C-alpha atoms as a PDB file:
ATOM      1  CA  MET A   1       2.139   8.126   4.053  1.00  0.00           C
ATOM      2  CA  ASN A   2       1.907   9.631   7.568  1.00  0.00           C
ATOM      3  CA  LYS A   3       4.115   9.061  10.545  1.00  0.00           C
ATOM      4  CA  TYR A   4       1.828  10.311  13.270  1.00  0.00           C
ATOM      5  CA  LEU A   5      -1.757   9.149  13.327  1.00  0.00           C
ATOM      6  CA  LEU A   6      -4.112   9.488  16.239  1.00  0.00           C
ATOM      7  CA  LEU A   7      -6.555   6.693  16.882  1.00  0.00           C
ATOM      8  CA  VAL A   8      -9.812   8.364  15.911  1.00  0.00           C
ATOM      9  CA  PHE A   9     -13.040   6.439  15.863  1.00  0.00           C
ATOM     10  CA  SER A  10     -15.953   7.429  13.661  1.00  0.00           C
ATOM     11  CA  CYS A  11     -19.457   7.741  15.102  1.00  0.00           C
ATOM     12  CA  ILE A  12     -21.421   4.513  15.467  1.00  0.00           C
ATOM     13  CA  VAL A  13     -24.674   4.395  13.535  1.00  0.00           C
ATOM     14  CA  LEU A  14     -27.350   3.189  15.955  1.00  0.00           C
ATOM     15  CA  SER A  15     -30.685   1.550  15.311  1.00  0.00           C
ATOM     16  CA  CYS A  16     -34.002   3.174  16.114  1.00  0.00           C
ATOM     17  CA  SER A  17     -33.940   1.616  19.597  1.00  0.00           C
ATOM     18  CA  GLY A  18     -30.537   3.175  20.270  1.00  0.00           C
ATOM     19  CA  ASN A  19     -29.167  -0.099  21.694  1.00  0.00           C
ATOM     20  CA  SER A  20     -27.977  -2.048  18.657  1.00  0.00           C
ATOM     21  CA  ARG A  21     -27.285  -1.708  14.980  1.00  0.00           C
ATOM     22  CA  ASP A  22     -30.227  -1.898  12.647  1.00  0.00           C
ATOM     23  CA  ALA A  23     -29.878  -4.428   9.806  1.00  0.00           C
ATOM     24  CA  GLY A  24     -29.767  -1.564   7.340  1.00  0.00           C
ATOM     25  CA  ALA A  25     -27.374   0.629   9.326  1.00  0.00           C
ATOM     26  CA  VAL A  26     -24.057   1.646   7.761  1.00  0.00           C
ATOM     27  CA  ALA A  27     -21.122   0.066   9.579  1.00  0.00           C
ATOM     28  CA  ASP A  28     -18.046   2.030  10.596  1.00  0.00           C
ATOM     29  CA  PRO A  29     -15.359   2.392   7.928  1.00  0.00           C
ATOM     30  CA  VAL A  30     -12.007   0.634   8.064  1.00  0.00           C
ATOM     31  CA  LEU A  31      -9.592   3.410   9.025  1.00  0.00           C
ATOM     32  CA  PHE A  32      -6.465   2.577   7.045  1.00  0.00           C
ATOM     33  CA  GLY A  33      -3.991   4.709   5.177  1.00  0.00           C
ATOM     34  CA  ASP A  34      -1.550   3.070   2.731  1.00  0.00           C
ATOM     35  CA  PRO A  35      -3.636  -0.135   2.608  1.00  0.00           C
ATOM     36  CA  PHE A  36      -2.534  -3.523   1.298  1.00  0.00           C
ATOM     37  CA  ILE A  37      -4.625  -6.677   0.783  1.00  0.00           C
ATOM     38  CA  MET A  38      -3.357 -10.247   0.606  1.00  0.00           C
ATOM     39  CA  LEU A  39      -5.487 -13.272  -0.316  1.00  0.00           C
ATOM     40  CA  HIS A  40      -4.341 -16.390   1.519  1.00  0.00           C
ATOM     41  CA  ASP A  41      -6.208 -19.708   1.832  1.00  0.00           C
ATOM     42  CA  GLY A  42      -9.500 -18.089   0.826  1.00  0.00           C
ATOM     43  CA  THR A  43      -9.345 -15.204   3.316  1.00  0.00           C
ATOM     44  CA  TYR A  44      -8.470 -11.589   2.600  1.00  0.00           C
ATOM     45  CA  TYR A  45      -6.044  -9.905   4.992  1.00  0.00           C
ATOM     46  CA  ALA A  46      -5.747  -6.107   5.057  1.00  0.00           C
ATOM     47  CA  TYR A  47      -2.817  -4.221   6.555  1.00  0.00           C
ATOM     48  CA  GLY A  48      -2.365  -0.469   6.723  1.00  0.00           C
ATOM     49  CA  THR A  49      -1.234   2.680   8.495  1.00  0.00           C
ATOM     50  CA  HIS A  50      -3.187   3.496  11.628  1.00  0.00           C
ATOM     51  CA  ALA A  51      -1.765   2.239  14.920  1.00  0.00           C
ATOM     52  CA  PRO A  52       1.026   4.476  16.282  1.00  0.00           C
ATOM     53  CA  ASN A  53       3.080   1.581  17.677  1.00  0.00           C
ATOM     54  CA  GLY A  54       2.702  -1.195  15.128  1.00  0.00           C
ATOM     55  CA  ILE A  55       0.646  -2.639  12.305  1.00  0.00           C
ATOM     56  CA  GLU A  56      -2.956  -3.827  12.532  1.00  0.00           C
ATOM     57  CA  VAL A  57      -4.616  -6.544  10.458  1.00  0.00           C
ATOM     58  CA  TYR A  58      -8.252  -7.014   9.382  1.00  0.00           C
ATOM     59  CA  THR A  59      -9.836 -10.055   7.689  1.00  0.00           C
ATOM     60  CA  SER A  60     -12.710 -10.448   5.238  1.00  0.00           C
ATOM     61  CA  THR A  61     -14.360 -13.055   3.043  1.00  0.00           C
ATOM     62  CA  ASP A  62     -16.046 -10.630   0.616  1.00  0.00           C
ATOM     63  CA  LEU A  63     -13.879  -7.456   0.559  1.00  0.00           C
ATOM     64  CA  ARG A  64     -16.809  -5.423   1.874  1.00  0.00           C
ATOM     65  CA  VAL A  65     -17.142  -6.382   5.537  1.00  0.00           C
ATOM     66  CA  TRP A  66     -13.977  -6.603   7.636  1.00  0.00           C
ATOM     67  CA  GLU A  67     -13.184  -7.776  11.138  1.00  0.00           C
ATOM     68  CA  LYS A  68     -10.276  -6.427  13.169  1.00  0.00           C
ATOM     69  CA  ALA A  69      -7.965  -9.062  14.612  1.00  0.00           C
ATOM     70  CA  PRO A  70      -7.044  -8.687  18.289  1.00  0.00           C
ATOM     71  CA  GLY A  71      -3.659  -7.224  19.033  1.00  0.00           C
ATOM     72  CA  LEU A  72      -1.125  -6.095  16.442  1.00  0.00           C
ATOM     73  CA  ALA A  73       0.429  -8.080  13.608  1.00  0.00           C
ATOM     74  CA  LEU A  74       3.655  -6.143  14.181  1.00  0.00           C
ATOM     75  CA  GLN A  75       4.501  -4.604  17.550  1.00  0.00           C
ATOM     76  CA  ALA A  76       7.000  -1.843  18.222  1.00  0.00           C
ATOM     77  CA  GLY A  77       9.205  -4.001  20.421  1.00  0.00           C
ATOM     78  CA  ASP A  78       9.719  -6.514  17.618  1.00  0.00           C
ATOM     79  CA  SER A  79      10.974  -3.945  15.118  1.00  0.00           C
ATOM     80  CA  TRP A  80      13.725  -1.389  14.666  1.00  0.00           C
ATOM     81  CA  SER A  81      12.821   2.240  15.221  1.00  0.00           C
ATOM     82  CA  ALA A  82      14.943   5.356  15.611  1.00  0.00           C
ATOM     83  CA  GLU A  83      12.391   7.343  17.597  1.00  0.00           C
ATOM     84  CA  PRO A  84      11.102   7.159  21.183  1.00  0.00           C
ATOM     85  CA  ARG A  85       7.573   7.240  19.821  1.00  0.00           C
ATOM     86  CA  ASN A  86       7.588   4.396  17.327  1.00  0.00           C
ATOM     87  CA  THR A  87       5.996   5.097  13.956  1.00  0.00           C
ATOM     88  CA  PHE A  88       5.035   2.503  11.354  1.00  0.00           C
ATOM     89  CA  TRP A  89       3.301   2.720   8.006  1.00  0.00           C
ATOM     90  CA  ALA A  90       2.788   1.334   4.482  1.00  0.00           C
ATOM     91  CA  PRO A  91       2.944  -2.432   5.238  1.00  0.00           C
ATOM     92  CA  GLU A  92       2.805  -5.101   2.528  1.00  0.00           C
ATOM     93  CA  VAL A  93       2.626  -8.822   3.386  1.00  0.00           C
ATOM     94  CA  TYR A  94       3.511 -11.764   1.134  1.00  0.00           C
ATOM     95  CA  TYR A  95       3.462 -15.495   1.741  1.00  0.00           C
ATOM     96  CA  ILE A  96       6.656 -17.021   0.339  1.00  0.00           C
ATOM     97  CA  GLU A  97       5.963 -20.690  -0.287  1.00  0.00           C
ATOM     98  CA  SER A  98       9.631 -21.694  -0.500  1.00  0.00           C
ATOM     99  CA  ARG A  99      10.258 -20.205   2.959  1.00  0.00           C
ATOM    100  CA  LYS A 100       6.956 -21.316   4.506  1.00  0.00           C
ATOM    101  CA  LYS A 101       6.626 -17.903   6.113  1.00  0.00           C
ATOM    102  CA  PHE A 102       5.097 -14.461   5.643  1.00  0.00           C
ATOM    103  CA  PHE A 103       7.237 -11.407   4.884  1.00  0.00           C
ATOM    104  CA  MET A 104       6.086  -7.927   5.896  1.00  0.00           C
ATOM    105  CA  TYR A 105       7.748  -4.965   4.150  1.00  0.00           C
ATOM    106  CA  TYR A 106       7.039  -1.649   5.872  1.00  0.00           C
ATOM    107  CA  SER A 107       8.388   1.756   6.871  1.00  0.00           C
ATOM    108  CA  SER A 108       9.600   2.593  10.371  1.00  0.00           C
ATOM    109  CA  SER A 109      10.930   6.011  11.332  1.00  0.00           C
ATOM    110  CA  GLU A 110      11.477   6.872   7.644  1.00  0.00           C
ATOM    111  CA  HIS A 111      13.504   3.728   6.947  1.00  0.00           C
ATOM    112  CA  ILE A 112      12.491   0.573   5.088  1.00  0.00           C
ATOM    113  CA  CYS A 113      12.321  -2.653   7.079  1.00  0.00           C
ATOM    114  CA  VAL A 114      11.220  -6.280   6.716  1.00  0.00           C
ATOM    115  CA  ALA A 115       9.944  -8.728   9.329  1.00  0.00           C
ATOM    116  CA  THR A 116       8.734 -12.325   9.111  1.00  0.00           C
ATOM    117  CA  ALA A 117       6.088 -14.484  10.774  1.00  0.00           C
ATOM    118  CA  ALA A 118       4.615 -17.976  10.619  1.00  0.00           C
ATOM    119  CA  SER A 119       1.057 -16.561  10.476  1.00  0.00           C
ATOM    120  CA  PRO A 120      -0.605 -13.682   8.607  1.00  0.00           C
ATOM    121  CA  PHE A 121      -1.708 -12.446  12.047  1.00  0.00           C
ATOM    122  CA  GLY A 122       1.915 -12.290  13.205  1.00  0.00           C
ATOM    123  CA  PRO A 123       3.731 -11.702  15.374  1.00  0.00           C
ATOM    124  CA  PHE A 124       6.027 -10.286  12.692  1.00  0.00           C
ATOM    125  CA  VAL A 125       9.556 -10.006  14.073  1.00  0.00           C
ATOM    126  CA  GLN A 126      12.821  -8.650  12.733  1.00  0.00           C
ATOM    127  CA  ALA A 127      15.571 -11.192  13.350  1.00  0.00           C
ATOM    128  CA  GLU A 128      18.030  -8.286  13.238  1.00  0.00           C
ATOM    129  CA  LYS A 129      16.512  -4.998  14.289  1.00  0.00           C
ATOM    130  CA  LYS A 130      17.919  -2.790  11.553  1.00  0.00           C
ATOM    131  CA  PRO A 131      16.720  -1.001   8.395  1.00  0.00           C
ATOM    132  CA  MET A 132      17.207  -2.623   4.993  1.00  0.00           C
ATOM    133  CA  LEU A 133      19.225   0.456   3.970  1.00  0.00           C
ATOM    134  CA  ALA A 134      20.914   1.877   7.037  1.00  0.00           C
ATOM    135  CA  GLY A 135      22.738   4.723   5.322  1.00  0.00           C
ATOM    136  CA  GLU A 136      19.769   6.848   4.271  1.00  0.00           C
ATOM    137  CA  LYS A 137      16.094   7.495   4.819  1.00  0.00           C
ATOM    138  CA  CYS A 138      13.751   5.578   2.481  1.00  0.00           C
ATOM    139  CA  ILE A 139      10.069   4.663   2.692  1.00  0.00           C
ATOM    140  CA  ASP A 140       7.260   2.690   1.035  1.00  0.00           C
ATOM    141  CA  ASN A 141       9.067  -0.549   0.138  1.00  0.00           C
ATOM    142  CA  SER A 142       7.214  -2.996  -2.132  1.00  0.00           C
ATOM    143  CA  LEU A 143       8.246  -6.505  -3.182  1.00  0.00           C
ATOM    144  CA  PHE A 144       7.959  -7.804  -6.748  1.00  0.00           C
ATOM    145  CA  ILE A 145       9.053 -11.320  -7.759  1.00  0.00           C
ATOM    146  CA  ASP A 146       9.311 -11.841 -11.503  1.00  0.00           C
ATOM    147  CA  ASP A 147       8.331 -14.995 -13.372  1.00  0.00           C
ATOM    148  CA  ASP A 148      11.952 -16.202 -13.258  1.00  0.00           C
ATOM    149  CA  GLY A 149      11.946 -15.981  -9.460  1.00  0.00           C
ATOM    150  CA  LYS A 150      14.210 -12.919  -9.243  1.00  0.00           C
ATOM    151  CA  PRO A 151      13.083 -10.572  -6.425  1.00  0.00           C
ATOM    152  CA  TYR A 152      13.029  -6.784  -6.682  1.00  0.00           C
ATOM    153  CA  LEU A 153      12.321  -4.112  -4.097  1.00  0.00           C
ATOM    154  CA  TYR A 154      10.716  -0.781  -5.071  1.00  0.00           C
ATOM    155  CA  PHE A 155      10.880   2.107  -2.612  1.00  0.00           C
ATOM    156  CA  ASP A 156      11.015   5.895  -2.282  1.00  0.00           C
ATOM    157  CA  ARG A 157      14.196   7.892  -1.838  1.00  0.00           C
ATOM    158  CA  PHE A 158      14.461  11.514  -0.669  1.00  0.00           C
ATOM    159  CA  ASN A 159      17.114  12.643  -3.156  1.00  0.00           C
ATOM    160  CA  ASP A 160      14.823  14.610  -5.527  1.00  0.00           C
ATOM    161  CA  GLY A 161      11.775  15.298  -3.455  1.00  0.00           C
ATOM    162  CA  LEU A 162      10.331  11.796  -3.226  1.00  0.00           C
ATOM    163  CA  ASN A 163      11.052   9.529  -6.178  1.00  0.00           C
ATOM    164  CA  ILE A 164      10.849   5.792  -6.811  1.00  0.00           C
ATOM    165  CA  TRP A 165      13.841   3.476  -7.124  1.00  0.00           C
ATOM    166  CA  VAL A 166      14.311  -0.270  -7.548  1.00  0.00           C
ATOM    167  CA  ALA A 167      17.001  -2.721  -6.486  1.00  0.00           C
ATOM    168  CA  GLU A 168      17.432  -6.468  -6.673  1.00  0.00           C
ATOM    169  CA  LEU A 169      17.224  -8.474  -3.465  1.00  0.00           C
ATOM    170  CA  GLU A 170      19.369 -11.363  -2.351  1.00  0.00           C
ATOM    171  CA  ASP A 171      17.710 -14.773  -2.120  1.00  0.00           C
ATOM    172  CA  ASP A 172      16.897 -14.118   1.549  1.00  0.00           C
ATOM    173  CA  LEU A 173      14.412 -11.423   0.344  1.00  0.00           C
ATOM    174  CA  GLN A 174      15.800  -9.117   3.022  1.00  0.00           C
ATOM    175  CA  THR A 175      19.172  -7.920   1.751  1.00  0.00           C
ATOM    176  CA  VAL A 176      19.319  -5.133  -0.853  1.00  0.00           C
ATOM    177  CA  ARG A 177      21.911  -5.481  -3.618  1.00  0.00           C
ATOM    178  CA  GLU A 178      22.958  -1.850  -3.446  1.00  0.00           C
ATOM    179  CA  SER A 179      25.038  -2.143  -6.610  1.00  0.00           C
ATOM    180  CA  THR A 180      21.766  -2.620  -8.553  1.00  0.00           C
ATOM    181  CA  LEU A 181      20.046   0.558  -7.306  1.00  0.00           C
ATOM    182  CA  THR A 182      18.249   2.139 -10.271  1.00  0.00           C
ATOM    183  CA  LYS A 183      16.022   5.199 -10.459  1.00  0.00           C
ATOM    184  CA  CYS A 184      12.545   4.509 -11.874  1.00  0.00           C
ATOM    185  CA  ILE A 185      10.485   7.710 -11.942  1.00  0.00           C
ATOM    186  CA  HIS A 186      10.384  11.245 -10.553  1.00  0.00           C
ATOM    187  CA  VAL A 187       7.953  14.179 -10.820  1.00  0.00           C
ATOM    188  CA  SER A 188       7.663  14.903 -14.538  1.00  0.00           C
ATOM    189  CA  GLN A 189       3.992  15.487 -15.473  1.00  0.00           C
ATOM    190  CA  PRO A 190       1.921  18.650 -14.859  1.00  0.00           C
ATOM    191  CA  TRP A 191      -0.719  16.896 -12.715  1.00  0.00           C
ATOM    192  CA  GLU A 192       2.035  15.887 -10.242  1.00  0.00           C
ATOM    193  CA  GLU A 193       3.164  19.443  -9.562  1.00  0.00           C
ATOM    194  CA  VAL A 194       0.448  20.670  -7.181  1.00  0.00           C
ATOM    195  CA  TRP A 195       2.682  20.298  -4.079  1.00  0.00           C
ATOM    196  CA  PRO A 196       5.359  19.150  -3.318  1.00  0.00           C
ATOM    197  CA  ARG A 197       7.734  16.996  -5.468  1.00  0.00           C
ATOM    198  CA  VAL A 198       6.306  13.527  -4.778  1.00  0.00           C
ATOM    199  CA  ASN A 199       6.236  10.226  -6.651  1.00  0.00           C
ATOM    200  CA  GLU A 200       5.678   7.528  -4.034  1.00  0.00           C
ATOM    201  CA  GLY A 201       3.985   4.263  -3.141  1.00  0.00           C
ATOM    202  CA  GLY A 202       5.135   2.309  -6.189  1.00  0.00           C
ATOM    203  CA  PHE A 203       3.608  -1.105  -6.905  1.00  0.00           C
ATOM    204  CA  VAL A 204       4.386  -3.357  -9.883  1.00  0.00           C
ATOM    205  CA  VAL A 205       2.148  -5.820 -11.712  1.00  0.00           C
ATOM    206  CA  LYS A 206       2.952  -7.696 -14.912  1.00  0.00           C
ATOM    207  CA  HIS A 207       0.491  -7.906 -17.814  1.00  0.00           C
ATOM    208  CA  ARG A 208       1.100  -9.522 -21.210  1.00  0.00           C
ATOM    209  CA  GLY A 209       4.850  -9.350 -20.744  1.00  0.00           C
ATOM    210  CA  ALA A 210       4.938  -5.664 -19.776  1.00  0.00           C
ATOM    211  CA  TYR A 211       5.530  -4.196 -16.319  1.00  0.00           C
ATOM    212  CA  TYR A 212       3.083  -1.648 -14.908  1.00  0.00           C
ATOM    213  CA  LEU A 213       4.301   0.565 -12.057  1.00  0.00           C
ATOM    214  CA  SER A 214       1.413   2.311 -10.332  1.00  0.00           C
ATOM    215  CA  TYR A 215       2.348   5.224  -8.080  1.00  0.00           C
ATOM    216  CA  SER A 216       0.928   8.234  -6.272  1.00  0.00           C
ATOM    217  CA  ALA A 217       1.794  11.893  -6.767  1.00  0.00           C
ATOM    218  CA  ASN A 218       1.424  15.156  -4.807  1.00  0.00           C
ATOM    219  CA  SER A 219       1.339  15.263  -1.018  1.00  0.00           C
ATOM    220  CA  TYR A 220      -0.965  12.738   0.604  1.00  0.00           C
ATOM    221  CA  GLU A 221      -2.396  15.762   2.440  1.00  0.00           C
ATOM    222  CA  SER A 222      -3.538  17.343  -0.821  1.00  0.00           C
ATOM    223  CA  PRO A 223      -7.020  16.661  -2.222  1.00  0.00           C
ATOM    224  CA  PHE A 224      -5.179  16.302  -5.560  1.00  0.00           C
ATOM    225  CA  TYR A 225      -3.222  13.276  -4.362  1.00  0.00           C
ATOM    226  CA  GLY A 226      -3.843  10.755  -7.139  1.00  0.00           C
ATOM    227  CA  ILE A 227      -2.729   7.590  -8.917  1.00  0.00           C
ATOM    228  CA  GLY A 228      -0.829   7.257 -12.184  1.00  0.00           C
ATOM    229  CA  TYR A 229       1.238   4.534 -13.789  1.00  0.00           C
ATOM    230  CA  ALA A 230       4.285   3.933 -15.947  1.00  0.00           C
ATOM    231  CA  THR A 231       5.287   0.949 -18.091  1.00  0.00           C
ATOM    232  CA  ALA A 232       8.546  -0.810 -18.909  1.00  0.00           C
ATOM    233  CA  ALA A 233       9.876  -3.871 -20.692  1.00  0.00           C
ATOM    234  CA  SER A 234      11.871  -4.958 -17.617  1.00  0.00           C
ATOM    235  CA  PRO A 235      11.553  -4.542 -13.836  1.00  0.00           C
ATOM    236  CA  ALA A 236      14.456  -2.091 -13.839  1.00  0.00           C
ATOM    237  CA  GLY A 237      13.010   0.090 -16.593  1.00  0.00           C
ATOM    238  CA  PRO A 238      13.411   2.437 -18.299  1.00  0.00           C
ATOM    239  CA  TRP A 239       9.888   3.531 -17.390  1.00  0.00           C
ATOM    240  CA  THR A 240       7.491   5.571 -19.530  1.00  0.00           C
ATOM    241  CA  LYS A 241       4.615   7.318 -17.801  1.00  0.00           C
ATOM    242  CA  TYR A 242       1.131   6.977 -19.276  1.00  0.00           C
ATOM    243  CA  GLU A 243       0.408  10.204 -21.143  1.00  0.00           C
ATOM    244  CA  ASN A 244      -3.148  10.449 -19.819  1.00  0.00           C
ATOM    245  CA  ASN A 245      -2.291  10.163 -16.113  1.00  0.00           C
ATOM    246  CA  PRO A 246      -3.784  10.344 -13.553  1.00  0.00           C
ATOM    247  CA  ILE A 247      -6.007   7.279 -13.763  1.00  0.00           C
ATOM    248  CA  LEU A 248      -7.644   8.131 -10.420  1.00  0.00           C
ATOM    249  CA  GLN A 249      -7.944  11.551  -8.782  1.00  0.00           C
ATOM    250  CA  LYS A 250     -10.852  13.030  -6.789  1.00  0.00           C
ATOM    251  CA  PRO A 251     -13.418  10.414  -7.956  1.00  0.00           C
ATOM    252  CA  ASP A 252     -17.010  11.212  -7.033  1.00  0.00           C
ATOM    253  CA  THR A 253     -16.997  12.670  -3.518  1.00  0.00           C
ATOM    254  CA  LEU A 254     -13.549  11.363  -2.550  1.00  0.00           C
ATOM    255  CA  ALA A 255     -10.383  13.420  -2.147  1.00  0.00           C
ATOM    256  CA  GLY A 256      -6.755  12.519  -1.509  1.00  0.00           C
ATOM    257  CA  VAL A 257      -6.906   9.088  -3.156  1.00  0.00           C
ATOM    258  CA  GLY A 258      -3.691   7.148  -3.438  1.00  0.00           C
ATOM    259  CA  HIS A 259      -0.987   4.841  -2.095  1.00  0.00           C
ATOM    260  CA  SER A 260      -2.488   1.875  -3.893  1.00  0.00           C
ATOM    261  CA  ALA A 261      -1.664  -1.807  -4.302  1.00  0.00           C
ATOM    262  CA  THR A 262      -3.156  -4.413  -6.624  1.00  0.00           C
ATOM    263  CA  PHE A 263      -4.150  -7.985  -5.825  1.00  0.00           C
ATOM    264  CA  ARG A 264      -6.103 -10.895  -7.307  1.00  0.00           C
ATOM    265  CA  ASP A 265      -9.446 -11.754  -5.743  1.00  0.00           C
ATOM    266  CA  ARG A 266     -10.788 -15.298  -5.365  1.00  0.00           C
ATOM    267  CA  ASP A 267     -12.198 -15.169  -8.900  1.00  0.00           C
ATOM    268  CA  GLY A 268      -8.862 -14.126 -10.355  1.00  0.00           C
ATOM    269  CA  ARG A 269      -9.962 -10.545 -11.033  1.00  0.00           C
ATOM    270  CA  LEU A 270      -7.347  -7.846 -10.568  1.00  0.00           C
ATOM    271  CA  ARG A 271      -8.365  -5.393  -7.858  1.00  0.00           C
ATOM    272  CA  ILE A 272      -6.819  -2.258  -6.425  1.00  0.00           C
ATOM    273  CA  VAL A 273      -6.933  -1.027  -2.837  1.00  0.00           C
ATOM    274  CA  PHE A 274      -6.205   2.590  -1.907  1.00  0.00           C
ATOM    275  CA  HIS A 275      -6.977   5.153   0.746  1.00  0.00           C
ATOM    276  CA  ALA A 276      -8.835   8.457   0.606  1.00  0.00           C
ATOM    277  CA  HIS A 277      -9.197  11.349   3.010  1.00  0.00           C
ATOM    278  CA  HIS A 278     -11.727  10.926   5.787  1.00  0.00           C
ATOM    279  CA  SER A 279     -13.867  13.520   4.006  1.00  0.00           C
ATOM    280  CA  ARG A 280     -13.434  16.489   1.692  1.00  0.00           C
ATOM    281  CA  GLU A 281     -12.947  18.648   4.791  1.00  0.00           C
ATOM    282  CA  LYS A 282     -10.803  16.328   6.936  1.00  0.00           C
ATOM    283  CA  ILE A 283      -7.712  14.234   6.133  1.00  0.00           C
ATOM    284  CA  HIS A 284      -7.480  11.840   9.105  1.00  0.00           C
ATOM    285  CA  PRO A 285      -8.261   9.119   9.869  1.00  0.00           C
ATOM    286  CA  ARG A 286      -8.090   7.959   6.262  1.00  0.00           C
ATOM    287  CA  ARG A 287     -10.399   5.285   4.850  1.00  0.00           C
ATOM    288  CA  MET A 288      -9.821   2.171   2.735  1.00  0.00           C
ATOM    289  CA  TYR A 289     -11.449   1.652  -0.674  1.00  0.00           C
ATOM    290  CA  ILE A 290     -11.368  -1.104  -3.312  1.00  0.00           C
ATOM    291  CA  ALA A 291     -12.058  -1.038  -7.070  1.00  0.00           C
ATOM    292  CA  ASP A 292     -11.393  -3.069 -10.227  1.00  0.00           C
ATOM    293  CA  VAL A 293      -8.341  -2.806 -12.471  1.00  0.00           C
ATOM    294  CA  VAL A 294      -8.822  -3.505 -16.192  1.00  0.00           C
ATOM    295  CA  PHE A 295      -6.582  -3.434 -19.257  1.00  0.00           C
ATOM    296  CA  SER A 296      -7.676  -2.450 -22.741  1.00  0.00           C
ATOM    297  CA  ASP A 297      -7.375  -5.054 -25.490  1.00  0.00           C
ATOM    298  CA  ASP A 298      -4.820  -3.124 -27.539  1.00  0.00           C
ATOM    299  CA  GLU A 299      -1.296  -3.770 -28.727  1.00  0.00           C
ATOM    300  CA  ASN A 300      -0.154  -1.570 -25.830  1.00  0.00           C
ATOM    301  CA  PRO A 301      -2.818  -2.189 -23.160  1.00  0.00           C
ATOM    302  CA  VAL A 302      -3.970   0.795 -21.135  1.00  0.00           C
ATOM    303  CA  MET A 303      -4.453   0.230 -17.425  1.00  0.00           C
ATOM    304  CA  SER A 304      -7.533   1.799 -15.833  1.00  0.00           C
ATOM    305  CA  ILE A 305      -9.537   1.742 -12.610  1.00  0.00           C
ATOM    306  CA  SER A 306     -13.213   1.054 -13.194  1.00  0.00           C
ATOM    307  CA  GLY A 307     -16.477  -0.149 -11.731  1.00  0.00           C
ATOM    308  CA  GLU A 308     -17.867   0.359  -8.267  1.00  0.00           C
ATOM    309  CA  ILE A 309     -15.622   1.888  -5.623  1.00  0.00           C
ATOM    310  CA  ILE A 310     -16.216  -0.176  -2.500  1.00  0.00           C
ATOM    311  CA  GLN A 311     -15.699   1.382   0.900  1.00  0.00           C
ATOM    312  CA  ALA A 312     -14.381  -1.205   3.349  1.00  0.00           C
ATOM    313  CA  ARG A 313     -16.638  -1.454   6.415  1.00  0.00           C
ATOM    314  CA  MET A 314     -16.166  -3.026   9.839  1.00  0.00           C
ATOM    315  CA  LYS A 315     -18.111  -6.035  10.991  1.00  0.00           C
END
């Protein structure tokens, strides 16, 4: 989560001739914070925090090499914003078959918003330029539709540091049923107390009838930013945090890992995408990484992040 990001480009790795990339050269990283990946019609689409005046989109066929689409999927003029310098972050995009359109849930000027488009490339436009909750600041909204078709929206509120809440949505997938607002989780485990009070970036996946809410804790600026999860028997909770959290924090040479989302790849495997600091010495621009999510074969399955951590690279 970061409202003000400068467009910073990493150095290009040149070939021995100095004029073109060598076949073995390392391509530039995809510079995304708060990344989200959607698989649609065999192509992966990645959205994230980077552009100061909208939301970018990249595409890939293998999750390793990505190509930036021209223009912006969401432009400032098509969205509500309360600030002269528009700020956008934490986008998630879903294709809703019954509507024959794509829905983008995102944060703008510390308010949650939703826009729609006929294409994953956009343009995503708000029919009514207003936040989903006009009365207070909220961020990091995430859609979950249960097996019975009931839609829920998870997001962060600022009423106890940052903590995660859920509410049902109307059938239009854009209107919050405020009477159903329910608190999910807040800072409550020692690993989350580095600085400041933050539980954010919630994302829900269902496994064997149970609901798994992954989230991030500590400031995104901290190297101890990490990922944990909680479980519940219903989308509204009550939620119980995994006692051995975090499931990802400072892996290998990475620092500041978090704001994750899960998705199914073309083989049906559950994957997770998250960002990390640019390096151990520098926070911005953040980079996008992908790994596997697995569940233990127990009566109460444990969720874990395993296997190779793939750094997304530009074509």
